[in-house]
């Protein structure tokens, strides 16, 4: 049987890590993130589940690095079966007229520009039968969410266009809207929130995959 391959961008923590763990029993995981320690911890958990991972320590905004990764994936496996795109830049909450230019530029670069670049790189690896998964967060338009909300909404609009374009020919494009989760990102937005009331990322990952 040909080995199934799952590429997870933003794999080190939160929902990305949960998706990697959920897929590990059935897929070889290619885990992309910028944090060495978190990737190594994820690798330990994947091995404990009986799976295997290839760790790719890189920034998705580095076009050359991502191009080389995709070429390496093609040379080794020839394709991927699932791409789950969980990487995101989370700018500090601030009024729209107080947004720092660096935070805005990082949000556009990671949440939008890199996503468009990755779609063009990864689509050939997915082919007609693969599945791409994006994660919506309906924060656009809410007060203080300007940089994050606007660029996340734009990312999802791009994914929706790709979804409509590939509806009949593939790959399959899934846009999931997870419940509010107990993640570091959520903690930055809502410090002091009762995390016991939030969803477990691992449970959300399993639900999302069950709906593919």
N, C-alpha and C. Protein backbone atom coordinates (compact mmCIF):
# COMPACT_ATOMS: atom_id res chain seq x y z
N UNK A 1 0.84 -1.19 0.00
CA UNK A 1 0.00 0.00 0.00
C UNK A 1 0.89 1.25 0.00
N UNK A 2 0.56 2.21 -0.86
CA UNK A 2 1.30 3.45 -0.91
C UNK A 2 1.07 4.25 0.36
N UNK A 3 2.14 4.76 0.94
CA UNK A 3 2.03 5.51 2.18
C UNK A 3 1.29 6.81 1.96
N UNK A 4 0.37 7.12 2.87
CA UNK A 4 -0.34 8.39 2.80
C UNK A 4 0.49 9.47 3.48
N UNK A 5 0.42 10.68 2.91
CA UNK A 5 1.25 11.79 3.38
C UNK A 5 0.35 12.96 3.75
N UNK A 6 0.61 13.55 4.90
CA UNK A 6 -0.12 14.75 5.33
C UNK A 6 0.88 15.87 5.61
N UNK A 7 0.68 17.00 4.98
CA UNK A 7 1.50 18.19 5.20
C UNK A 7 0.72 19.13 6.11
N UNK A 8 1.32 19.49 7.23
CA UNK A 8 0.67 20.40 8.18
C UNK A 8 1.53 21.65 8.28
N UNK A 9 1.03 22.78 7.83
CA UNK A 9 1.72 24.05 7.99
C UNK A 9 1.16 24.73 9.25
N UNK A 10 2.08 25.13 10.12
CA UNK A 10 1.65 25.63 11.43
C UNK A 10 1.39 24.48 12.38
N UNK A 11 2.33 23.53 12.42
CA UNK A 11 2.09 22.25 13.09
C UNK A 11 2.54 22.22 14.54
N UNK A 12 3.19 23.25 15.02
CA UNK A 12 3.87 23.13 16.32
C UNK A 12 2.93 23.17 17.51
N UNK A 13 1.81 23.88 17.38
CA UNK A 13 0.92 24.05 18.54
C UNK A 13 -0.53 24.08 18.08
N UNK A 14 -1.43 24.11 19.06
CA UNK A 14 -2.84 24.34 18.80
C UNK A 14 -3.47 23.34 17.85
N UNK A 15 -4.32 23.86 16.96
CA UNK A 15 -5.05 22.98 16.06
C UNK A 15 -4.14 22.30 15.06
N UNK A 16 -3.08 22.97 14.63
CA UNK A 16 -2.13 22.34 13.71
C UNK A 16 -1.51 21.10 14.31
N UNK A 17 -1.05 21.20 15.55
CA UNK A 17 -0.47 20.05 16.23
C UNK A 17 -1.51 18.96 16.43
N UNK A 18 -2.73 19.37 16.76
CA UNK A 18 -3.80 18.40 16.97
C UNK A 18 -4.13 17.66 15.68
N UNK A 19 -4.12 18.37 14.55
CA UNK A 19 -4.36 17.72 13.26
C UNK A 19 -3.25 16.72 12.96
N UNK A 20 -2.01 17.10 13.25
CA UNK A 20 -0.89 16.19 13.01
C UNK A 20 -1.03 14.92 13.83
N UNK A 21 -1.40 15.06 15.10
CA UNK A 21 -1.56 13.89 15.96
C UNK A 21 -2.73 13.02 15.50
N UNK A 22 -3.82 13.65 15.08
CA UNK A 22 -4.99 12.89 14.64
C UNK A 22 -4.70 12.09 13.37
N UNK A 23 -3.85 12.63 12.51
CA UNK A 23 -3.53 11.97 11.25
C UNK A 23 -2.37 10.98 11.37
N UNK A 24 -1.60 11.09 12.45
CA UNK A 24 -0.37 10.30 12.58
C UNK A 24 -0.57 8.79 12.48
N UNK A 25 -1.66 8.21 12.99
CA UNK A 25 -1.80 6.76 12.87
C UNK A 25 -1.96 6.26 11.43
N UNK A 26 -2.37 7.14 10.52
CA UNK A 26 -2.65 6.71 9.15
C UNK A 26 -1.81 7.41 8.09
N UNK A 27 -1.08 8.47 8.47
CA UNK A 27 -0.32 9.25 7.51
C UNK A 27 1.09 9.51 8.04
N UNK A 28 2.05 9.59 7.13
CA UNK A 28 3.34 10.17 7.48
C UNK A 28 3.15 11.68 7.54
N UNK A 29 3.57 12.30 8.63
CA UNK A 29 3.33 13.72 8.84
C UNK A 29 4.55 14.54 8.44
N UNK A 30 4.34 15.54 7.61
CA UNK A 30 5.36 16.55 7.33
C UNK A 30 4.93 17.79 8.09
N UNK A 31 5.64 18.09 9.16
CA UNK A 31 5.26 19.14 10.09
C UNK A 31 6.11 20.38 9.87
N UNK A 32 5.45 21.48 9.49
CA UNK A 32 6.14 22.73 9.20
C UNK A 32 5.84 23.74 10.30
N UNK A 33 6.87 24.30 10.89
CA UNK A 33 6.71 25.34 11.91
C UNK A 33 8.05 26.02 12.13
N UNK A 34 8.03 27.08 12.96
CA UNK A 34 9.24 27.86 13.18
C UNK A 34 9.89 27.60 14.54
N UNK A 35 9.30 26.76 15.37
CA UNK A 35 9.77 26.57 16.73
C UNK A 35 10.34 25.17 16.90
N UNK A 36 11.64 25.09 17.12
CA UNK A 36 12.32 23.80 17.20
C UNK A 36 11.76 22.93 18.32
N UNK A 37 11.71 23.47 19.53
CA UNK A 37 11.28 22.68 20.68
C UNK A 37 9.88 22.14 20.52
N UNK A 38 8.97 22.97 20.02
CA UNK A 38 7.58 22.53 19.85
C UNK A 38 7.48 21.43 18.80
N UNK A 39 8.26 21.55 17.73
CA UNK A 39 8.26 20.50 16.70
C UNK A 39 8.81 19.19 17.27
N UNK A 40 9.86 19.29 18.06
CA UNK A 40 10.43 18.07 18.65
C UNK A 40 9.44 17.42 19.62
N UNK A 41 8.73 18.23 20.38
CA UNK A 41 7.70 17.68 21.28
C UNK A 41 6.60 16.99 20.48
N UNK A 42 6.20 17.62 19.36
CA UNK A 42 5.19 17.00 18.50
C UNK A 42 5.69 15.67 17.95
N UNK A 43 6.94 15.63 17.54
CA UNK A 43 7.52 14.39 17.02
C UNK A 43 7.46 13.29 18.06
N UNK A 44 7.74 13.62 19.32
CA UNK A 44 7.67 12.63 20.39
C UNK A 44 6.24 12.08 20.52
N UNK A 45 5.27 12.97 20.45
CA UNK A 45 3.88 12.52 20.59
C UNK A 45 3.44 11.67 19.39
N UNK A 46 3.90 12.03 18.21
CA UNK A 46 3.58 11.25 17.01
C UNK A 46 4.19 9.86 17.11
N UNK A 47 5.44 9.77 17.56
CA UNK A 47 6.07 8.47 17.71
C UNK A 47 5.35 7.63 18.76
N UNK A 48 4.87 8.28 19.82
CA UNK A 48 4.13 7.55 20.85
C UNK A 48 2.83 6.98 20.31
N UNK A 49 2.31 7.60 19.25
CA UNK A 49 1.10 7.10 18.61
C UNK A 49 1.40 6.04 17.55
N UNK A 50 2.67 5.73 17.39
CA UNK A 50 3.07 4.74 16.39
C UNK A 50 3.29 5.32 15.01
N UNK A 51 3.33 6.65 14.91
CA UNK A 51 3.49 7.29 13.61
C UNK A 51 4.91 7.80 13.39
N UNK A 52 5.11 8.42 12.25
CA UNK A 52 6.40 8.99 11.89
C UNK A 52 6.19 10.38 11.32
N UNK A 53 7.18 11.23 11.54
CA UNK A 53 7.09 12.60 11.05
C UNK A 53 8.39 13.06 10.44
N UNK A 54 8.29 13.94 9.48
CA UNK A 54 9.41 14.70 8.96
C UNK A 54 9.23 16.12 9.44
N UNK A 55 10.21 16.64 10.16
CA UNK A 55 10.12 17.98 10.73
C UNK A 55 10.77 18.98 9.79
N UNK A 56 10.03 20.03 9.46
CA UNK A 56 10.52 21.07 8.56
C UNK A 56 10.52 22.40 9.31
N UNK A 57 11.66 22.77 9.83
CA UNK A 57 11.80 24.01 10.59
C UNK A 57 11.98 25.15 9.61
N UNK A 58 10.90 25.86 9.32
CA UNK A 58 10.97 26.94 8.34
C UNK A 58 9.78 27.88 8.48
N UNK A 59 9.93 29.05 7.91
CA UNK A 59 8.91 30.09 7.91
C UNK A 59 8.16 30.01 6.59
N UNK A 60 6.84 29.94 6.64
CA UNK A 60 6.08 29.79 5.39
C UNK A 60 6.16 31.03 4.51
N UNK A 61 6.59 32.17 5.07
CA UNK A 61 6.72 33.36 4.24
C UNK A 61 8.01 33.35 3.42
N UNK A 62 8.89 32.38 3.66
CA UNK A 62 10.11 32.23 2.88
C UNK A 62 9.80 31.40 1.64
N UNK A 63 9.58 32.07 0.53
CA UNK A 63 9.15 31.39 -0.69
C UNK A 63 10.16 30.35 -1.17
N UNK A 64 11.44 30.68 -1.08
CA UNK A 64 12.46 29.75 -1.54
C UNK A 64 12.48 28.48 -0.70
N UNK A 65 12.34 28.65 0.62
CA UNK A 65 12.34 27.49 1.51
C UNK A 65 11.13 26.60 1.24
N UNK A 66 9.97 27.21 1.03
CA UNK A 66 8.77 26.42 0.79
C UNK A 66 8.82 25.74 -0.57
N UNK A 67 9.40 26.42 -1.55
CA UNK A 67 9.57 25.79 -2.87
C UNK A 67 10.48 24.57 -2.77
N UNK A 68 11.56 24.70 -2.01
CA UNK A 68 12.48 23.58 -1.84
C UNK A 68 11.81 22.44 -1.10
N UNK A 69 11.00 22.77 -0.08
CA UNK A 69 10.27 21.72 0.65
C UNK A 69 9.35 20.96 -0.29
N UNK A 70 8.60 21.69 -1.08
CA UNK A 70 7.64 21.02 -1.98
C UNK A 70 8.37 20.18 -3.02
N UNK A 71 9.51 20.66 -3.49
CA UNK A 71 10.29 19.85 -4.43
C UNK A 71 10.81 18.59 -3.74
N UNK A 72 11.24 18.72 -2.50
CA UNK A 72 11.73 17.56 -1.76
C UNK A 72 10.61 16.54 -1.52
N UNK A 73 9.40 17.05 -1.23
CA UNK A 73 8.26 16.15 -1.06
C UNK A 73 7.99 15.40 -2.36
N UNK A 74 8.04 16.11 -3.47
CA UNK A 74 7.79 15.46 -4.76
C UNK A 74 8.86 14.41 -5.05
N UNK A 75 10.10 14.76 -4.80
CA UNK A 75 11.19 13.82 -5.09
C UNK A 75 11.09 12.56 -4.23
N UNK A 76 10.63 12.69 -2.98
CA UNK A 76 10.59 11.55 -2.07
C UNK A 76 9.30 10.75 -2.19
N UNK A 77 8.16 11.45 -2.24
CA UNK A 77 6.87 10.76 -2.20
C UNK A 77 6.03 10.94 -3.47
N UNK A 78 6.30 11.99 -4.22
CA UNK A 78 5.56 12.21 -5.46
C UNK A 78 4.24 12.91 -5.30
N UNK A 79 3.75 13.02 -4.05
CA UNK A 79 2.42 13.62 -3.84
C UNK A 79 2.19 13.77 -2.34
N UNK A 80 1.10 14.47 -2.01
CA UNK A 80 0.57 14.45 -0.66
C UNK A 80 -0.92 14.17 -0.74
N UNK A 81 -1.47 13.65 0.34
CA UNK A 81 -2.90 13.33 0.36
C UNK A 81 -3.71 14.41 1.06
N UNK A 82 -3.13 15.04 2.08
CA UNK A 82 -3.82 16.07 2.84
C UNK A 82 -2.86 17.22 3.12
N UNK A 83 -3.36 18.43 2.95
CA UNK A 83 -2.66 19.63 3.41
C UNK A 83 -3.57 20.37 4.37
N UNK A 84 -3.15 20.51 5.61
CA UNK A 84 -3.90 21.27 6.60
C UNK A 84 -3.11 22.54 6.90
N UNK A 85 -3.72 23.69 6.63
CA UNK A 85 -3.01 24.97 6.73
C UNK A 85 -3.46 25.70 7.99
N UNK A 86 -2.68 25.54 9.05
CA UNK A 86 -3.01 26.14 10.34
C UNK A 86 -2.08 27.29 10.72
N UNK A 87 -1.09 27.60 9.90
CA UNK A 87 -0.15 28.67 10.22
C UNK A 87 -0.86 30.02 10.17
N UNK A 88 -0.55 30.87 11.14
CA UNK A 88 -1.20 32.17 11.19
C UNK A 88 -0.33 33.14 11.97
N UNK A 89 -0.34 34.39 11.56
CA UNK A 89 0.29 35.44 12.36
C UNK A 89 -0.80 36.16 13.13
N UNK A 90 -0.61 36.25 14.43
CA UNK A 90 -1.61 36.84 15.31
C UNK A 90 -1.09 38.20 15.77
N UNK A 91 -1.58 39.26 15.15
CA UNK A 91 -1.18 40.60 15.56
C UNK A 91 -1.88 40.99 16.85
N UNK A 92 -1.27 41.84 17.66
CA UNK A 92 -1.94 42.30 18.88
C UNK A 92 -3.25 42.99 18.57
N UNK A 93 -4.23 42.82 19.45
CA UNK A 93 -5.50 43.52 19.28
C UNK A 93 -5.27 45.02 19.49
N UNK A 94 -5.78 45.81 18.57
CA UNK A 94 -5.59 47.25 18.64
C UNK A 94 -6.60 47.95 17.76
N UNK A 95 -6.97 49.18 18.05
CA UNK A 95 -7.86 49.92 17.15
C UNK A 95 -7.24 50.03 15.76
N UNK A 96 -8.08 50.10 14.75
CA UNK A 96 -7.60 50.11 13.37
C UNK A 96 -6.66 51.29 13.10
N UNK A 97 -6.90 52.41 13.76
CA UNK A 97 -6.04 53.57 13.51
C UNK A 97 -4.77 53.56 14.35
N UNK A 98 -4.54 52.48 15.09
CA UNK A 98 -3.32 52.34 15.88
C UNK A 98 -2.48 51.13 15.47
N UNK A 99 -2.87 50.46 14.39
CA UNK A 99 -2.12 49.28 13.98
C UNK A 99 -0.69 49.64 13.62
N UNK A 100 0.25 48.86 14.13
CA UNK A 100 1.63 49.07 13.76
C UNK A 100 1.90 48.54 12.36
N UNK A 101 2.73 49.23 11.62
CA UNK A 101 2.98 48.83 10.23
C UNK A 101 3.63 47.45 10.16
N UNK A 102 4.52 47.13 11.11
CA UNK A 102 5.18 45.83 11.07
C UNK A 102 4.19 44.69 11.32
N UNK A 103 3.27 44.89 12.28
CA UNK A 103 2.27 43.85 12.53
C UNK A 103 1.35 43.68 11.33
N UNK A 104 0.97 44.78 10.69
CA UNK A 104 0.13 44.69 9.50
C UNK A 104 0.85 43.93 8.39
N UNK A 105 2.11 44.30 8.16
CA UNK A 105 2.88 43.65 7.09
C UNK A 105 3.09 42.17 7.36
N UNK A 106 3.35 41.81 8.62
CA UNK A 106 3.51 40.39 8.96
C UNK A 106 2.20 39.63 8.78
N UNK A 107 1.09 40.25 9.13
CA UNK A 107 -0.21 39.60 8.98
C UNK A 107 -0.52 39.34 7.50
N UNK A 108 -0.27 40.34 6.66
CA UNK A 108 -0.50 40.17 5.23
C UNK A 108 0.43 39.11 4.66
N UNK A 109 1.71 39.16 5.06
CA UNK A 109 2.70 38.22 4.52
C UNK A 109 2.37 36.78 4.88
N UNK A 110 2.01 36.54 6.14
CA UNK A 110 1.77 35.16 6.60
C UNK A 110 0.36 34.69 6.25
N UNK A 111 -0.63 35.48 6.59
CA UNK A 111 -2.01 35.01 6.49
C UNK A 111 -2.55 35.03 5.07
N UNK A 112 -2.02 35.91 4.24
CA UNK A 112 -2.56 36.04 2.89
C UNK A 112 -1.54 35.69 1.80
N UNK A 113 -0.44 36.44 1.74
CA UNK A 113 0.51 36.23 0.65
C UNK A 113 1.08 34.82 0.66
N UNK A 114 1.50 34.34 1.82
CA UNK A 114 2.06 32.99 1.90
C UNK A 114 1.03 31.94 1.53
N UNK A 115 -0.22 32.17 1.91
CA UNK A 115 -1.26 31.20 1.56
C UNK A 115 -1.43 31.10 0.05
N UNK A 116 -1.46 32.25 -0.63
CA UNK A 116 -1.56 32.23 -2.08
C UNK A 116 -0.38 31.52 -2.73
N UNK A 117 0.81 31.77 -2.21
CA UNK A 117 2.01 31.11 -2.74
C UNK A 117 1.94 29.60 -2.51
N UNK A 118 1.54 29.21 -1.31
CA UNK A 118 1.50 27.78 -0.99
C UNK A 118 0.46 27.05 -1.83
N UNK A 119 -0.66 27.68 -2.09
CA UNK A 119 -1.66 27.02 -2.94
C UNK A 119 -1.05 26.66 -4.30
N UNK A 120 -0.31 27.60 -4.86
CA UNK A 120 0.28 27.33 -6.18
C UNK A 120 1.36 26.26 -6.10
N UNK A 121 2.09 26.19 -5.00
CA UNK A 121 3.13 25.18 -4.84
C UNK A 121 2.55 23.79 -4.54
N UNK A 122 1.49 23.77 -3.73
CA UNK A 122 1.00 22.50 -3.18
C UNK A 122 -0.06 21.85 -4.05
N UNK A 123 -0.79 22.63 -4.82
CA UNK A 123 -1.84 22.06 -5.67
C UNK A 123 -1.34 20.91 -6.54
N UNK A 124 -0.18 21.03 -7.20
CA UNK A 124 0.29 19.90 -8.00
C UNK A 124 0.58 18.64 -7.17
N UNK A 125 0.98 18.82 -5.91
CA UNK A 125 1.23 17.67 -5.05
C UNK A 125 -0.07 16.99 -4.63
N UNK A 126 -1.12 17.76 -4.46
CA UNK A 126 -2.43 17.20 -4.09
C UNK A 126 -3.09 16.49 -5.27
N UNK A 127 -2.86 17.02 -6.47
CA UNK A 127 -3.50 16.42 -7.63
C UNK A 127 -5.01 16.51 -7.56
N UNK A 128 -5.68 15.59 -8.24
CA UNK A 128 -7.14 15.61 -8.27
C UNK A 128 -7.76 14.96 -7.04
N UNK A 129 -7.02 14.11 -6.35
CA UNK A 129 -7.60 13.30 -5.28
C UNK A 129 -7.27 13.79 -3.87
N UNK A 130 -6.38 14.75 -3.74
CA UNK A 130 -5.98 15.22 -2.42
C UNK A 130 -7.00 16.17 -1.80
N UNK A 131 -6.75 16.53 -0.55
CA UNK A 131 -7.64 17.41 0.20
C UNK A 131 -6.83 18.50 0.88
N UNK A 132 -7.27 19.74 0.71
CA UNK A 132 -6.69 20.88 1.43
C UNK A 132 -7.70 21.35 2.47
N UNK A 133 -7.21 21.66 3.67
CA UNK A 133 -8.09 22.08 4.76
C UNK A 133 -7.64 23.45 5.26
N UNK A 134 -8.58 24.38 5.29
CA UNK A 134 -8.34 25.71 5.85
C UNK A 134 -9.25 25.89 7.06
N UNK A 135 -8.86 26.80 7.94
CA UNK A 135 -9.59 26.98 9.19
C UNK A 135 -10.07 28.42 9.32
N UNK A 136 -11.38 28.59 9.25
CA UNK A 136 -11.97 29.92 9.32
C UNK A 136 -12.04 30.39 10.77
N UNK A 137 -11.98 31.69 10.93
CA UNK A 137 -12.15 32.32 12.24
C UNK A 137 -12.90 33.62 11.97
N UNK A 138 -14.20 33.65 12.19
CA UNK A 138 -15.00 34.82 11.79
C UNK A 138 -14.78 36.03 12.69
N UNK A 139 -13.51 36.48 12.75
CA UNK A 139 -13.17 37.65 13.57
C UNK A 139 -13.13 38.94 12.75
N UNK A 140 -13.20 38.81 11.44
CA UNK A 140 -13.16 40.00 10.59
C UNK A 140 -14.31 40.94 10.90
N UNK A 141 -13.99 42.21 11.06
CA UNK A 141 -15.01 43.22 11.35
C UNK A 141 -15.25 43.45 12.82
N UNK A 142 -14.73 42.60 13.69
CA UNK A 142 -14.90 42.83 15.12
C UNK A 142 -13.91 43.89 15.59
N UNK A 143 -14.30 44.65 16.59
CA UNK A 143 -13.44 45.72 17.05
C UNK A 143 -12.12 45.17 17.58
N UNK A 144 -11.06 45.87 17.23
CA UNK A 144 -9.68 45.59 17.63
C UNK A 144 -9.04 44.41 16.89
N UNK A 145 -9.80 43.72 16.03
CA UNK A 145 -9.26 42.56 15.31
C UNK A 145 -8.78 42.92 13.91
N UNK A 146 -8.53 44.19 13.65
CA UNK A 146 -8.27 44.65 12.29
C UNK A 146 -7.26 43.85 11.50
N UNK A 147 -6.00 43.78 11.97
CA UNK A 147 -4.96 43.11 11.18
C UNK A 147 -5.22 41.62 11.05
N UNK A 148 -5.51 40.97 12.17
CA UNK A 148 -5.77 39.54 12.13
C UNK A 148 -7.07 39.24 11.38
N UNK A 149 -8.13 39.93 11.76
CA UNK A 149 -9.44 39.63 11.16
C UNK A 149 -9.48 39.87 9.67
N UNK A 150 -8.89 40.99 9.23
CA UNK A 150 -8.93 41.32 7.80
C UNK A 150 -8.14 40.33 6.97
N UNK A 151 -6.94 39.98 7.44
CA UNK A 151 -6.11 39.08 6.65
C UNK A 151 -6.60 37.65 6.73
N UNK A 152 -7.19 37.26 7.85
CA UNK A 152 -7.77 35.92 7.94
C UNK A 152 -8.99 35.81 7.04
N UNK A 153 -9.82 36.85 7.00
CA UNK A 153 -10.98 36.83 6.11
C UNK A 153 -10.55 36.77 4.65
N UNK A 154 -9.48 37.49 4.32
CA UNK A 154 -8.98 37.45 2.95
C UNK A 154 -8.43 36.07 2.60
N UNK A 155 -7.76 35.44 3.56
CA UNK A 155 -7.27 34.08 3.34
C UNK A 155 -8.42 33.13 3.02
N UNK A 156 -9.49 33.23 3.79
CA UNK A 156 -10.62 32.34 3.58
C UNK A 156 -11.32 32.65 2.26
N UNK A 157 -11.38 33.92 1.87
CA UNK A 157 -11.95 34.26 0.57
C UNK A 157 -11.16 33.61 -0.56
N UNK A 158 -9.83 33.60 -0.42
CA UNK A 158 -8.98 32.94 -1.40
C UNK A 158 -9.26 31.44 -1.43
N UNK A 159 -9.37 30.84 -0.25
CA UNK A 159 -9.66 29.41 -0.17
C UNK A 159 -11.02 29.09 -0.78
N UNK A 160 -12.00 29.96 -0.58
CA UNK A 160 -13.33 29.75 -1.15
C UNK A 160 -13.29 29.80 -2.67
N UNK A 161 -12.49 30.71 -3.22
CA UNK A 161 -12.34 30.76 -4.68
C UNK A 161 -11.75 29.47 -5.20
N UNK A 162 -10.69 28.99 -4.54
CA UNK A 162 -10.06 27.74 -4.95
C UNK A 162 -11.03 26.58 -4.81
N UNK A 163 -11.82 26.60 -3.75
CA UNK A 163 -12.83 25.56 -3.53
C UNK A 163 -13.83 25.51 -4.68
N UNK A 164 -14.31 26.68 -5.10
CA UNK A 164 -15.28 26.73 -6.19
C UNK A 164 -14.65 26.30 -7.51
N UNK A 165 -13.41 26.66 -7.73
CA UNK A 165 -12.73 26.34 -8.97
C UNK A 165 -12.43 24.85 -9.11
N UNK A 166 -12.24 24.18 -7.99
CA UNK A 166 -11.84 22.77 -8.03
C UNK A 166 -12.97 21.82 -7.66
N UNK A 167 -14.17 22.35 -7.54
CA UNK A 167 -15.30 21.54 -7.07
C UNK A 167 -15.49 20.27 -7.89
N UNK A 168 -15.33 20.37 -9.20
CA UNK A 168 -15.56 19.21 -10.07
C UNK A 168 -14.29 18.47 -10.46
N UNK A 169 -13.15 19.11 -10.32
CA UNK A 169 -11.93 18.51 -10.85
C UNK A 169 -10.92 18.14 -9.76
N UNK A 170 -11.13 18.63 -8.53
CA UNK A 170 -10.19 18.38 -7.45
C UNK A 170 -8.97 19.28 -7.55
N UNK A 171 -8.22 19.37 -6.48
CA UNK A 171 -8.39 18.69 -5.20
C UNK A 171 -9.61 19.19 -4.44
N UNK A 172 -10.01 18.43 -3.44
CA UNK A 172 -11.09 18.85 -2.56
C UNK A 172 -10.57 19.90 -1.61
N UNK A 173 -11.32 21.01 -1.46
CA UNK A 173 -10.93 22.07 -0.55
C UNK A 173 -11.99 22.17 0.54
N UNK A 174 -11.56 21.95 1.77
CA UNK A 174 -12.45 21.97 2.93
C UNK A 174 -12.15 23.23 3.74
N UNK A 175 -13.19 23.97 4.12
CA UNK A 175 -13.05 25.13 4.98
C UNK A 175 -13.83 24.84 6.26
N UNK A 176 -13.10 24.62 7.33
CA UNK A 176 -13.71 24.27 8.62
C UNK A 176 -13.76 25.50 9.52
N UNK A 177 -14.78 25.56 10.36
CA UNK A 177 -14.89 26.63 11.36
C UNK A 177 -14.92 25.97 12.73
N UNK A 178 -13.76 25.81 13.35
CA UNK A 178 -13.72 25.15 14.66
C UNK A 178 -14.44 25.97 15.73
N UNK A 179 -14.89 25.29 16.75
CA UNK A 179 -15.41 25.98 17.93
C UNK A 179 -14.27 26.71 18.62
N UNK A 180 -14.57 27.74 19.42
CA UNK A 180 -13.51 28.40 20.19
C UNK A 180 -12.73 27.39 21.01
N UNK A 181 -11.40 27.42 20.86
CA UNK A 181 -10.56 26.38 21.44
C UNK A 181 -9.60 26.94 22.48
N UNK A 182 -9.17 26.06 23.34
CA UNK A 182 -8.18 26.41 24.36
C UNK A 182 -6.79 26.36 23.74
N UNK A 183 -6.41 27.44 23.08
CA UNK A 183 -5.12 27.53 22.41
C UNK A 183 -4.39 28.79 22.85
N UNK A 184 -3.10 28.86 22.52
CA UNK A 184 -2.32 30.04 22.85
C UNK A 184 -2.84 31.26 22.11
N UNK A 185 -3.28 31.06 20.85
CA UNK A 185 -3.84 32.17 20.09
C UNK A 185 -5.07 32.74 20.77
N UNK A 186 -5.97 31.87 21.18
CA UNK A 186 -7.17 32.31 21.88
C UNK A 186 -6.80 33.02 23.19
N UNK A 187 -5.78 32.51 23.88
CA UNK A 187 -5.35 33.11 25.12
C UNK A 187 -4.83 34.53 24.94
N UNK A 188 -4.19 34.80 23.80
CA UNK A 188 -3.71 36.15 23.52
C UNK A 188 -4.87 37.10 23.28
N UNK A 189 -5.91 36.60 22.65
CA UNK A 189 -7.06 37.45 22.36
C UNK A 189 -7.93 37.71 23.59
N UNK A 190 -8.07 36.67 24.41
CA UNK A 190 -8.99 36.75 25.56
C UNK A 190 -8.30 36.29 26.84
N UNK A 191 -7.34 37.07 27.33
CA UNK A 191 -6.66 36.69 28.57
C UNK A 191 -7.64 36.67 29.73
N UNK A 192 -7.50 35.68 30.59
CA UNK A 192 -8.39 35.58 31.74
C UNK A 192 -9.67 34.82 31.46
N UNK A 193 -9.90 34.42 30.21
CA UNK A 193 -11.09 33.65 29.88
C UNK A 193 -11.04 32.28 30.54
N UNK A 194 -12.19 31.76 30.95
CA UNK A 194 -12.26 30.44 31.55
C UNK A 194 -12.02 29.39 30.47
N UNK A 195 -10.81 28.84 30.44
CA UNK A 195 -10.43 27.90 29.39
C UNK A 195 -11.17 26.58 29.50
N UNK A 196 -11.74 26.30 30.68
CA UNK A 196 -12.49 25.06 30.85
C UNK A 196 -13.75 25.03 29.98
N UNK A 197 -14.20 26.21 29.55
CA UNK A 197 -15.41 26.30 28.73
C UNK A 197 -15.11 26.18 27.23
N UNK A 198 -13.81 26.11 26.89
CA UNK A 198 -13.40 26.08 25.49
C UNK A 198 -13.20 24.65 25.00
N UNK A 199 -13.27 24.49 23.68
CA UNK A 199 -13.13 23.16 23.08
C UNK A 199 -11.68 22.70 23.11
N UNK A 200 -11.50 21.39 23.15
CA UNK A 200 -10.18 20.77 23.08
C UNK A 200 -9.76 20.68 21.61
N UNK A 201 -8.59 21.23 21.25
CA UNK A 201 -8.14 21.15 19.85
C UNK A 201 -8.11 19.73 19.30
N UNK A 202 -7.76 18.74 20.13
CA UNK A 202 -7.71 17.36 19.63
C UNK A 202 -9.10 16.87 19.25
N UNK A 203 -10.10 17.23 20.04
CA UNK A 203 -11.47 16.84 19.71
C UNK A 203 -11.94 17.54 18.43
N UNK A 204 -11.56 18.80 18.29
CA UNK A 204 -11.94 19.54 17.08
C UNK A 204 -11.27 18.94 15.84
N UNK A 205 -10.01 18.55 15.96
CA UNK A 205 -9.31 17.93 14.83
C UNK A 205 -10.01 16.65 14.39
N UNK A 206 -10.39 15.82 15.34
CA UNK A 206 -11.07 14.57 15.01
C UNK A 206 -12.40 14.84 14.33
N UNK A 207 -13.13 15.85 14.80
CA UNK A 207 -14.41 16.19 14.19
C UNK A 207 -14.23 16.67 12.75
N UNK A 208 -13.24 17.53 12.54
CA UNK A 208 -12.98 18.05 11.20
C UNK A 208 -12.61 16.92 10.24
N UNK A 209 -11.75 16.03 10.69
CA UNK A 209 -11.34 14.92 9.81
C UNK A 209 -12.48 13.96 9.55
N UNK A 210 -13.38 13.80 10.49
CA UNK A 210 -14.52 12.88 10.30
C UNK A 210 -15.48 13.40 9.25
N UNK A 211 -15.41 14.70 8.95
CA UNK A 211 -16.32 15.31 7.99
C UNK A 211 -15.74 15.42 6.60
N UNK A 212 -14.54 14.93 6.38
CA UNK A 212 -13.93 14.99 5.05
C UNK A 212 -14.62 14.04 4.08
